[in-house]
N, C-alpha and C. Protein backbone atom coordinates (compact mmCIF):
# COMPACT_ATOMS: atom_id res chain seq x y z
N MET A 1 0.86 -1.12 0.11
CA MET A 1 -0.12 0.05 0.19
C MET A 1 0.80 1.46 -0.09
N ILE A 2 1.12 1.82 -1.13
CA ILE A 2 2.16 3.02 -1.23
C ILE A 2 1.17 4.20 -1.63
N SER A 3 0.06 4.23 -1.57
CA SER A 3 -1.25 5.45 -2.25
C SER A 3 -0.98 6.31 -1.11
N TYR A 4 -0.57 7.59 -1.67
CA TYR A 4 -0.72 8.59 -0.76
C TYR A 4 -1.71 9.11 -0.17
N MET A 5 -3.07 8.77 -0.71
CA MET A 5 -4.58 8.99 0.38
C MET A 5 -4.76 7.79 1.35
N PHE A 6 -4.06 6.77 1.10
CA PHE A 6 -4.09 5.62 2.12
C PHE A 6 -3.25 6.09 2.94
N TYR A 7 -1.91 6.43 2.96
CA TYR A 7 -1.04 6.82 3.74
C TYR A 7 -1.46 7.93 4.87
N LYS A 8 -2.01 8.87 3.85
CA LYS A 8 -2.89 10.08 4.93
C LYS A 8 -3.56 9.62 5.46
N PHE A 9 -4.53 8.84 5.14
CA PHE A 9 -5.75 8.57 5.84
C PHE A 9 -5.21 7.78 7.15
N VAL A 10 -4.47 6.79 7.29
CA VAL A 10 -3.84 5.85 8.17
C VAL A 10 -2.88 6.97 9.34
N ASP A 11 -2.15 7.87 8.74
CA ASP A 11 -1.58 8.99 9.60
C ASP A 11 -2.76 10.03 10.63
N ASP A 12 -3.96 10.25 9.67
CA ASP A 12 -4.97 11.22 10.02
C ASP A 12 -5.37 10.36 11.31
N ILE A 13 -5.92 9.01 11.04
CA ILE A 13 -6.26 8.48 12.16
C ILE A 13 -5.32 7.89 13.52
N GLY A 14 -4.30 8.64 13.18
CA GLY A 14 -3.22 8.19 14.28
C GLY A 14 -2.49 6.40 14.70
N LEU A 15 -2.53 5.75 13.09
CA LEU A 15 -2.14 4.45 13.21
C LEU A 15 -0.97 4.57 12.48
N GLU A 16 0.10 3.67 12.77
CA GLU A 16 1.02 3.26 11.72
C GLU A 16 1.19 2.13 11.05
N HIS A 17 1.40 2.41 9.89
CA HIS A 17 1.64 1.13 8.88
C HIS A 17 2.52 0.63 8.53
N GLU A 18 2.49 -0.37 9.12
CA GLU A 18 3.58 -1.30 9.36
C GLU A 18 4.00 -2.45 8.16
N PHE A 19 5.17 -2.61 7.45
CA PHE A 19 5.41 -3.62 6.47
C PHE A 19 6.18 -4.62 7.22
N ILE A 20 5.52 -5.84 6.27
CA ILE A 20 6.62 -7.02 6.84
C ILE A 20 8.22 -6.69 6.06
N PRO A 21 9.17 -7.55 6.68
CA PRO A 21 10.28 -7.58 5.86
C PRO A 21 10.23 -8.16 4.70
N VAL A 22 11.06 -7.83 3.67
CA VAL A 22 10.97 -8.52 2.52
C VAL A 22 11.30 -10.02 2.68
N LYS A 23 11.01 -10.58 1.90
CA LYS A 23 10.91 -12.38 1.84
C LYS A 23 10.73 -12.99 3.23
N THR A 24 9.55 -12.38 3.81
CA THR A 24 9.32 -13.09 5.06
C THR A 24 7.53 -13.31 5.07
N PRO A 25 7.24 -14.03 4.00
CA PRO A 25 5.85 -14.19 3.83
C PRO A 25 5.42 -14.70 5.41
N ASN A 26 6.11 -15.62 6.28
CA ASN A 26 5.46 -16.16 7.57
C ASN A 26 4.97 -15.25 8.32
N LYS A 27 5.42 -13.74 8.04
CA LYS A 27 5.26 -12.87 9.24
C LYS A 27 3.89 -12.77 9.31
N ASN A 28 3.22 -12.73 7.89
CA ASN A 28 1.68 -12.31 8.07
C ASN A 28 0.78 -13.63 7.36
N ALA A 29 1.24 -14.68 7.66
CA ALA A 29 0.28 -15.77 7.52
C ALA A 29 -0.93 -15.92 7.84
N PHE A 30 -1.32 -15.63 9.01
CA PHE A 30 -2.48 -15.65 9.85
C PHE A 30 -3.41 -14.73 9.39
N ILE A 31 -3.04 -13.77 8.83
CA ILE A 31 -4.06 -12.37 8.07
C ILE A 31 -4.11 -12.91 6.57
N GLU A 32 -3.21 -13.69 6.10
CA GLU A 32 -3.37 -14.06 4.65
C GLU A 32 -4.23 -15.37 4.73
N SER A 33 -4.21 -16.11 5.71
CA SER A 33 -5.13 -17.18 6.14
C SER A 33 -6.74 -16.68 5.99
N PHE A 34 -6.74 -15.71 6.93
CA PHE A 34 -8.21 -14.68 7.36
C PHE A 34 -8.54 -14.51 6.12
N PHE A 35 -7.92 -13.90 5.12
CA PHE A 35 -8.36 -13.03 4.04
C PHE A 35 -8.93 -14.39 3.05
N SER A 36 -7.99 -15.26 3.08
CA SER A 36 -8.48 -16.34 1.95
C SER A 36 -9.82 -16.53 2.52
N ILE A 37 -10.06 -16.91 3.75
CA ILE A 37 -11.06 -17.59 4.50
C ILE A 37 -12.60 -16.60 4.02
N TYR A 38 -12.24 -15.26 4.39
CA TYR A 38 -13.10 -14.16 4.29
C TYR A 38 -13.43 -14.15 2.67
N GLU A 39 -12.72 -14.30 1.51
CA GLU A 39 -12.82 -14.07 0.50
C GLU A 39 -14.17 -15.40 0.11
N VAL A 40 -13.19 -16.67 0.27
CA VAL A 40 -14.18 -18.12 -0.11
C VAL A 40 -15.31 -18.08 0.82
N GLN A 41 -15.34 -18.09 1.83
CA GLN A 41 -16.66 -18.31 2.61
C GLN A 41 -17.47 -17.00 2.54
N PHE A 42 -16.95 -15.83 2.28
CA PHE A 42 -18.14 -14.93 2.63
C PHE A 42 -18.48 -13.93 1.42
N LEU A 43 -17.16 -13.46 0.65
CA LEU A 43 -17.42 -12.64 -0.32
C LEU A 43 -18.18 -13.32 -1.75
N GLN A 44 -17.66 -14.63 -1.70
CA GLN A 44 -17.98 -15.24 -3.05
C GLN A 44 -19.30 -16.25 -2.69
N VAL A 45 -19.79 -15.87 -1.65
CA VAL A 45 -21.44 -16.66 -1.19
C VAL A 45 -22.19 -15.55 -1.19
N TRP A 46 -22.16 -14.27 -0.95
CA TRP A 46 -22.95 -12.95 -0.37
C TRP A 46 -23.33 -12.31 -1.66
N TYR A 47 -24.53 -11.81 -1.85
CA TYR A 47 -24.96 -10.61 -2.55
C TYR A 47 -25.40 -9.67 -1.78
N PHE A 48 -24.54 -8.38 -2.20
CA PHE A 48 -24.74 -7.10 -1.48
C PHE A 48 -25.61 -6.03 -2.13
N LYS A 49 -26.44 -5.42 -1.31
CA LYS A 49 -27.27 -4.53 -1.77
C LYS A 49 -26.65 -3.09 -1.66
N SER A 50 -25.75 -2.74 -0.44
CA SER A 50 -25.23 -1.48 -0.58
C SER A 50 -24.08 -1.89 0.11
N MET A 51 -23.12 -0.54 0.37
CA MET A 51 -21.70 -0.42 1.06
C MET A 51 -22.07 -1.01 2.61
N SER A 52 -23.19 -0.50 3.12
CA SER A 52 -23.66 -0.60 4.57
C SER A 52 -23.96 -2.24 4.79
N ASP A 53 -24.69 -2.36 3.71
CA ASP A 53 -24.99 -4.10 3.83
C ASP A 53 -23.63 -4.84 3.94
N VAL A 54 -22.75 -4.47 3.24
CA VAL A 54 -21.18 -5.15 3.00
C VAL A 54 -20.90 -4.86 4.48
N PHE A 55 -20.73 -3.50 4.95
CA PHE A 55 -20.25 -3.38 6.00
C PHE A 55 -21.11 -4.42 7.36
N GLU A 56 -21.94 -4.20 7.56
CA GLU A 56 -22.93 -5.01 8.61
C GLU A 56 -22.89 -6.63 8.25
N LYS A 57 -22.70 -7.02 6.93
CA LYS A 57 -22.34 -8.50 7.00
C LYS A 57 -20.98 -8.99 7.25
N THR A 58 -19.70 -7.95 6.93
CA THR A 58 -18.69 -8.22 7.35
C THR A 58 -18.48 -8.43 9.15
N VAL A 59 -19.29 -7.34 9.75
CA VAL A 59 -18.90 -7.52 11.25
C VAL A 59 -19.58 -8.69 11.91
N GLU A 60 -21.05 -9.24 11.27
CA GLU A 60 -21.43 -10.31 11.71
C GLU A 60 -20.26 -11.77 11.15
N PHE A 61 -20.00 -11.36 10.14
CA PHE A 61 -18.73 -12.73 9.60
C PHE A 61 -17.73 -12.68 10.49
N ILE A 62 -17.10 -11.80 11.10
CA ILE A 62 -15.89 -11.51 11.73
C ILE A 62 -16.30 -12.03 13.36
N ASP A 63 -17.69 -11.99 13.80
CA ASP A 63 -17.93 -12.03 15.18
C ASP A 63 -18.25 -13.60 14.86
N PHE A 64 -18.77 -14.24 13.91
CA PHE A 64 -19.20 -15.78 13.75
C PHE A 64 -17.26 -16.22 13.64
N TYR A 65 -16.61 -15.60 12.84
CA TYR A 65 -15.07 -16.30 12.71
C TYR A 65 -14.58 -16.36 13.96
N ASN A 66 -14.54 -15.46 14.86
CA ASN A 66 -13.78 -15.26 16.38
C ASN A 66 -14.61 -16.03 17.28
N ALA A 67 -16.03 -15.91 17.40
CA ALA A 67 -16.88 -16.64 18.41
C ALA A 67 -17.27 -17.98 18.37
N ARG A 68 -17.88 -18.00 17.26
CA ARG A 68 -18.24 -19.50 16.85
C ARG A 68 -17.82 -20.42 15.88
N ARG A 69 -16.79 -20.15 14.78
CA ARG A 69 -15.74 -20.96 13.76
C ARG A 69 -15.20 -21.61 14.54
N LEU A 70 -15.15 -22.77 14.37
CA LEU A 70 -13.97 -24.15 14.84
C LEU A 70 -12.79 -23.90 13.85
N HIS A 71 -11.83 -23.62 14.13
CA HIS A 71 -10.54 -23.79 13.71
C HIS A 71 -9.52 -24.90 14.04
N GLY A 72 -9.17 -25.38 13.02
CA GLY A 72 -8.33 -26.88 13.22
C GLY A 72 -7.23 -26.22 13.80
N SER A 73 -6.43 -25.02 13.49
CA SER A 73 -5.16 -24.99 14.30
C SER A 73 -5.29 -24.38 15.83
N LEU A 74 -6.43 -24.62 16.06
CA LEU A 74 -6.87 -24.31 17.45
C LEU A 74 -7.44 -25.47 18.16
N ASN A 75 -7.46 -26.68 17.59
CA ASN A 75 -7.87 -27.87 18.15
C ASN A 75 -9.24 -28.00 18.30
N TYR A 76 -9.85 -27.71 17.10
CA TYR A 76 -11.35 -27.34 16.70
C TYR A 76 -11.89 -26.62 17.82
N ASN A 77 -11.27 -25.45 18.20
CA ASN A 77 -12.00 -24.74 19.11
C ASN A 77 -12.13 -23.15 18.48
N SER A 78 -13.17 -22.24 18.56
CA SER A 78 -13.15 -21.06 17.95
C SER A 78 -11.98 -20.21 18.83
N PRO A 79 -11.83 -19.19 18.31
CA PRO A 79 -10.57 -18.12 18.95
C PRO A 79 -11.18 -17.75 20.30
N LEU A 80 -12.42 -17.41 20.48
CA LEU A 80 -12.70 -17.04 21.89
C LEU A 80 -12.63 -17.87 22.76
N ASP A 81 -12.95 -19.11 22.26
CA ASP A 81 -13.10 -20.44 23.52
C ASP A 81 -11.64 -20.70 23.77
N PHE A 82 -10.67 -20.46 22.79
CA PHE A 82 -9.41 -20.98 23.01
C PHE A 82 -8.56 -19.88 23.62
N LYS A 83 -9.28 -18.60 23.67
CA LYS A 83 -8.44 -17.79 24.67
C LYS A 83 -9.10 -18.15 25.78
N THR A 84 -10.30 -18.38 25.90
CA THR A 84 -11.03 -18.46 27.58
C THR A 84 -10.40 -19.64 28.24
N LYS A 85 -9.96 -20.90 27.36
CA LYS A 85 -9.19 -21.96 27.95
C LYS A 85 -8.30 -21.66 28.29
N PHE A 86 -7.34 -20.70 27.48
CA PHE A 86 -5.89 -20.37 27.69
C PHE A 86 -5.67 -19.44 28.99
N ASN A 87 -6.74 -18.36 29.11
CA ASN A 87 -6.96 -17.70 30.39
C ASN A 87 -6.96 -18.54 31.70
N LYS A 88 -7.92 -19.53 31.62
CA LYS A 88 -8.07 -20.54 32.58
C LYS A 88 -7.11 -21.65 32.94
N ASN A 89 -6.00 -21.50 32.12
CA ASN A 89 -4.96 -22.44 32.14
C ASN A 89 -5.27 -23.71 31.85
N GLU A 90 -6.26 -23.84 30.97
CA GLU A 90 -6.69 -25.19 30.41
C GLU A 90 -6.14 -25.55 29.19
N ILE A 91 -5.30 -24.89 28.68
CA ILE A 91 -5.05 -25.06 27.54
C ILE A 91 -3.56 -26.14 27.21
N ALA A 92 -3.11 -26.56 28.50
CA ALA A 92 -1.82 -27.37 28.27
C ALA A 92 -2.10 -28.49 27.92
N LYS A 93 -3.78 -29.15 28.17
CA LYS A 93 -4.23 -30.34 27.44
C LYS A 93 -4.57 -30.33 25.72
N TYR A 94 -4.12 -29.34 25.27
CA TYR A 94 -4.09 -28.82 23.79
C TYR A 94 -2.94 -28.82 23.05
N LYS A 95 -2.60 -29.35 21.99
CA LYS A 95 -1.69 -29.41 21.33
C LYS A 95 -2.08 -28.49 20.43
N VAL A 96 -1.39 -27.17 19.85
CA VAL A 96 -1.92 -26.10 19.13
C VAL A 96 -1.04 -26.47 17.84
N SER A 97 -1.26 -26.44 16.78
CA SER A 97 -0.61 -26.48 15.46
C SER A 97 -0.07 -24.82 15.13
N ALA A 98 1.03 -24.64 14.58
CA ALA A 98 1.51 -23.58 14.08
C ALA A 98 0.96 -23.16 12.83
């Protein structure tokens, strides 16, 4: 993302746009995986009426993804369930794949 308008927007809202180092694709594997799932399981299966419809359904999808969708890499727990178990020190009995 080298667009001046994007850079200015990020700067105006007080964020720092971070780039991963060159030749280190493993640094953003989790977000790449999320966007792949978002595209295949959400964008390719829904029709939208407006941008507000896209926004509303995206918020619902992210809630589903984090609270109810089972993730194989988290031993078939949702991220929320996994975090709850981790915080209760119940996670030791789970082997988490990287």
